[in-house]
Amino acid sequence: MNDELETERGSTIADAPLVEWLFNSPRAGLIWLVPRLWLGYRWIDAAIHKVTNPAWVDGGEALKGFWMNAIPFPRLEGHQSHSIGTGHLSKPC
């Protein structure tokens, strides 16, 4: 890994020693192991809750609520509002 950067004026900028150690040292891998395991556990835990929850899989009411509120579409005065990309959510399978 190139830990130095040369600017347009020719001066060199080096990484801070702590940053260099965190990203280059094999011993720092033990530090990264803790957040990686925690993040993986949280990700799998959230997935299990969604797969086993009937609101997400048997009818999709939670998914529909998430989809409808994820990106609020602005309502313009004087214009008919359209629900873009949500028509398939109201149709039965």
Protein backbone atom coordinates (compact mmCIF):
# COMPACT_ATOMS: atom_id res chain seq x y z
CA MET A 1 0.00 0.00 0.00
CA ASN A 2 1.38 3.37 -0.97
CA ASP A 3 1.29 5.41 2.23
CA GLU A 4 2.60 8.64 0.75
CA LEU A 5 0.89 11.13 -1.51
CA GLU A 6 2.69 13.73 -3.59
CA THR A 7 0.87 17.02 -4.13
CA GLU A 8 0.92 19.17 -7.26
CA ARG A 9 3.57 21.40 -5.67
CA GLY A 10 5.84 18.43 -5.06
CA SER A 11 5.48 18.12 -1.31
CA THR A 12 4.84 14.71 0.22
CA ILE A 13 1.99 13.87 2.59
CA ALA A 14 2.39 10.69 4.64
CA ASP A 15 -0.26 8.78 6.58
CA ALA A 16 -0.38 9.20 10.33
CA PRO A 17 1.46 6.38 12.14
CA LEU A 18 -1.71 5.17 13.87
CA VAL A 19 -3.61 5.02 10.57
CA GLU A 20 -0.75 3.23 8.89
CA TRP A 21 -0.64 0.67 11.72
CA LEU A 22 -4.45 0.12 11.72
CA PHE A 23 -4.58 -0.61 8.00
CA ASN A 24 -1.24 -2.35 7.44
CA SER A 25 -0.42 -4.35 10.56
CA PRO A 26 -1.54 -7.97 10.89
CA ARG A 27 -1.86 -7.39 14.64
CA ALA A 28 -4.46 -4.70 13.97
CA GLY A 29 -6.60 -7.45 12.47
CA LEU A 30 -7.51 -8.49 16.00
CA ILE A 31 -8.92 -5.02 16.60
CA TRP A 32 -10.93 -5.18 13.36
CA LEU A 33 -12.21 -8.65 14.27
CA VAL A 34 -14.47 -7.33 17.04
CA PRO A 35 -16.48 -4.82 14.95
CA ARG A 36 -16.62 -7.23 12.01
CA LEU A 37 -18.09 -10.01 14.16
CA TRP A 38 -20.55 -7.59 15.81
CA LEU A 39 -21.65 -6.17 12.46
CA GLY A 40 -22.05 -9.64 10.97
CA TYR A 41 -24.13 -10.75 13.96
CA ARG A 42 -26.39 -7.68 13.70
CA TRP A 43 -26.83 -8.22 9.94
CA ILE A 44 -27.75 -11.89 10.32
CA ASP A 45 -30.00 -11.15 13.31
CA ALA A 46 -31.93 -8.51 11.32
CA ALA A 47 -32.28 -10.88 8.37
CA ILE A 48 -33.63 -13.68 10.57
CA HIS A 49 -36.20 -11.34 12.11
CA LYS A 50 -37.42 -10.30 8.67
CA VAL A 51 -37.57 -13.84 7.27
CA THR A 52 -39.46 -15.22 10.27
CA ASN A 53 -41.84 -12.25 10.75
CA PRO A 54 -45.20 -12.77 8.96
CA ALA A 55 -45.56 -9.02 8.41
CA TRP A 56 -42.54 -9.15 6.09
CA VAL A 57 -43.16 -12.43 4.26
CA ASP A 58 -46.89 -13.32 4.47
CA GLY A 59 -48.48 -10.42 2.69
CA GLY A 60 -45.67 -7.94 2.98
CA GLU A 61 -47.43 -5.21 5.00
CA ALA A 62 -44.16 -4.19 6.68
CA LEU A 63 -42.34 -4.22 3.35
CA LYS A 64 -45.09 -2.14 1.76
CA GLY A 65 -44.93 0.36 4.63
CA PHE A 66 -41.16 0.58 4.29
CA TRP A 67 -41.35 1.00 0.52
CA MET A 68 -44.06 3.67 0.68
CA ASN A 69 -42.16 5.71 3.30
CA ALA A 70 -38.56 5.14 2.19
CA ILE A 71 -38.61 7.92 -0.39
CA PRO A 72 -41.40 10.44 0.10
CA PHE A 73 -42.68 11.75 -3.20
CA PRO A 74 -43.44 15.47 -3.13
CA ARG A 75 -47.01 16.50 -3.77
CA LEU A 76 -47.13 19.44 -6.15
CA GLU A 77 -50.06 21.83 -5.88
CA GLY A 78 -52.21 21.89 -8.98
CA HIS A 79 -50.83 18.59 -10.27
CA GLN A 80 -52.27 15.12 -9.95
CA SER A 81 -50.01 13.04 -7.71
CA HIS A 82 -48.76 9.69 -8.96
CA SER A 83 -47.32 6.86 -6.96
CA ILE A 84 -44.28 6.04 -9.06
CA GLY A 85 -43.09 2.44 -8.87
CA THR A 86 -45.58 1.34 -6.20
CA GLY A 87 -48.38 -0.06 -8.37
CA HIS A 88 -47.09 -3.61 -8.08
CA LEU A 89 -47.33 -3.47 -4.26
CA SER A 90 -51.12 -3.21 -4.24
CA LYS A 91 -51.73 -6.03 -6.72
CA PRO A 92 -52.33 -9.52 -5.30
CA CYS A 93 -49.91 -12.21 -6.41
